[in-house]
Protein backbone atom coordinates (compact mmCIF):
# COMPACT_ATOMS: atom_id res chain seq x y z
CA MET A 1 -19.15 -2.08 2.30
CA THR A 2 -16.57 -3.80 4.49
CA ALA A 3 -14.02 -1.91 6.58
CA ALA A 4 -11.22 -3.16 4.32
CA MET A 5 -13.00 -1.80 1.24
CA ALA A 6 -13.54 1.58 2.92
CA GLU A 7 -9.77 1.95 3.45
CA LEU A 8 -8.92 1.52 -0.25
CA THR A 9 -8.24 4.88 -1.82
CA TYR A 10 -7.10 5.94 -5.26
CA LEU A 11 -4.75 8.83 -5.87
CA THR A 12 -6.62 12.11 -6.13
CA ALA A 13 -6.00 14.61 -8.91
CA PRO A 14 -3.78 16.77 -6.63
CA GLU A 15 -1.79 13.68 -5.60
CA ILE A 16 -1.32 12.72 -9.26
CA ASN A 17 -0.09 16.26 -9.93
CA VAL A 18 2.46 15.87 -7.12
CA LEU A 19 3.53 12.51 -8.55
CA LEU A 20 3.94 14.08 -12.00
CA GLY A 21 6.10 16.81 -10.49
CA ARG A 22 8.22 14.21 -8.73
CA ALA A 23 8.48 12.17 -11.96
CA ARG A 24 9.37 15.10 -14.21
CA GLY A 25 12.62 13.36 -15.25
CA LEU A 26 10.77 10.31 -16.56
CA GLN A 27 9.83 10.17 -20.22
CA GLY A 28 8.05 7.98 -22.73
CA ALA A 29 7.39 4.40 -21.74
CA ASN A 30 8.73 4.89 -18.20
CA LEU A 31 6.22 7.64 -17.48
CA ARG A 32 3.35 5.79 -19.17
CA MET A 33 4.01 2.60 -17.21
CA LEU A 34 4.34 4.50 -13.92
CA LEU A 35 1.08 6.36 -14.49
CA TYR A 36 -0.71 3.10 -15.20
CA TYR A 37 0.51 1.61 -11.92
CA ALA A 38 -0.42 4.84 -10.10
CA THR A 39 -3.99 4.97 -11.38
CA ALA A 40 -5.12 1.39 -12.05
CA VAL A 41 -5.66 0.27 -8.46
CA PRO A 42 -6.04 1.75 -4.97
CA VAL A 43 -2.83 3.07 -3.39
CA GLY A 44 -0.72 0.26 -1.98
CA GLU A 45 -2.46 -2.48 -3.97
CA PRO A 46 -0.58 -4.51 -6.58
CA VAL A 47 -1.57 -4.35 -10.23
CA SER A 48 -2.56 -7.90 -11.12
CA LEU A 49 -2.08 -7.58 -14.88
CA LEU A 50 0.89 -8.98 -16.74
CA GLN A 51 3.47 -6.44 -17.86
CA LYS A 52 2.71 -7.21 -21.51
CA ASP A 53 -0.96 -6.38 -20.96
CA ILE A 54 -0.08 -3.09 -19.26
CA ALA A 55 2.33 -2.24 -22.10
CA ASP A 56 -0.45 -2.93 -24.61
CA ALA A 57 -2.86 -0.75 -22.60
CA VAL A 58 -0.50 2.26 -22.60
CA GLY A 59 0.66 1.83 -26.18
CA VAL A 60 4.27 0.73 -25.79
CA SER A 61 5.96 -2.42 -27.01
CA GLN A 62 6.20 -5.35 -24.63
CA ALA A 63 10.01 -5.10 -24.62
CA SER A 64 9.87 -1.38 -23.84
CA GLY A 65 7.31 -1.97 -21.08
CA SER A 66 9.49 -4.67 -19.54
CA ARG A 67 12.60 -2.44 -19.63
CA SER A 68 10.57 0.39 -18.10
CA VAL A 69 9.33 -1.75 -15.21
CA THR A 70 12.88 -2.96 -14.52
CA LYS A 71 14.14 0.64 -14.46
CA LEU A 72 11.21 1.86 -12.34
CA VAL A 73 11.87 -0.91 -9.78
CA GLU A 74 15.62 -0.14 -9.70
CA ASP A 75 14.88 3.53 -9.07
CA GLY A 76 12.23 2.88 -6.39
CA TRP A 77 9.20 4.06 -8.38
CA LEU A 78 7.72 0.54 -8.28
CA ALA A 79 8.13 -2.27 -5.75
CA GLU A 80 7.59 -5.98 -6.22
CA ALA A 81 4.33 -7.04 -4.59
CA TYR A 82 4.30 -10.79 -5.25
CA VAL A 83 5.40 -13.55 -7.58
CA ALA A 84 3.02 -16.07 -9.16
CA GLY A 85 4.82 -18.78 -11.09
CA HIS A 86 7.43 -16.95 -13.12
CA TYR A 87 5.44 -13.68 -13.27
CA ARG A 88 6.20 -10.73 -11.01
CA PHE A 89 3.58 -8.18 -9.99
CA TYR A 90 4.24 -4.67 -8.74
CA ARG A 91 2.74 -1.77 -6.78
CA LEU A 92 3.85 1.82 -6.37
CA GLY A 93 7.23 2.06 -4.65
CA PRO A 94 8.60 4.44 -2.03
CA VAL A 95 9.77 7.13 -4.47
CA ALA A 96 6.33 7.33 -6.11
CA LEU A 97 4.70 7.55 -2.70
CA GLY A 98 7.00 10.36 -1.58
CA ALA A 99 9.32 8.49 0.78
CA LYS A 100 12.13 10.56 2.27
CA ASP A 101 14.83 8.21 0.90
CA GLN A 102 14.39 9.45 -2.66
CA PRO A 103 17.40 9.68 -4.95
CA ALA A 104 19.16 13.06 -4.80
CA GLU A 105 17.89 14.19 -8.20
CA GLN A 106 14.34 13.64 -6.99
CA GLU A 107 14.76 15.87 -3.90
CA GLU A 108 14.88 19.12 -5.86
CA GLU A 109 12.25 21.71 -5.08
CA THR A 110 9.29 21.93 -7.40
CA MET A 111 9.70 24.21 -10.38
CA ALA A 112 6.58 26.24 -9.68
CA SER A 113 4.22 27.01 -6.88
CA VAL A 114 0.63 28.20 -6.80
CA HIS A 115 -0.39 31.31 -4.89
CA HIS A 116 -4.00 32.38 -4.66
CA LEU A 117 -4.68 36.04 -5.32
CA ARG A 118 -7.01 37.92 -3.06
CA GLY A 119 -10.21 39.11 -4.64
CA PRO A 120 -11.37 42.72 -4.51
CA SER A 121 -12.21 43.83 -1.01
């Protein structure tokens, strides 16, 4: 395994839970598309599938998938990674990765917290 391969990491289950908490205002196609981008490739890597293929994979129409990606980019959930011909490819953006410059509605505290109870002594 090369050093570059060793550095590639996928989101862990706890990190996906944090992302879901951060994305609690997203619904339907927006949430499905975001979750695909969050789980398909290692963190920071672009997804090299066409938007229509991702939409098909998550069960939304191509038009809905395209609108979702546009909205997710505008809101900082996704960021453009590169352009090939007239196709654009994206990776997770700063809001999805927990950047401090999140929109105000995303800065709210989480709705719940977990506290571990002590066992019998």
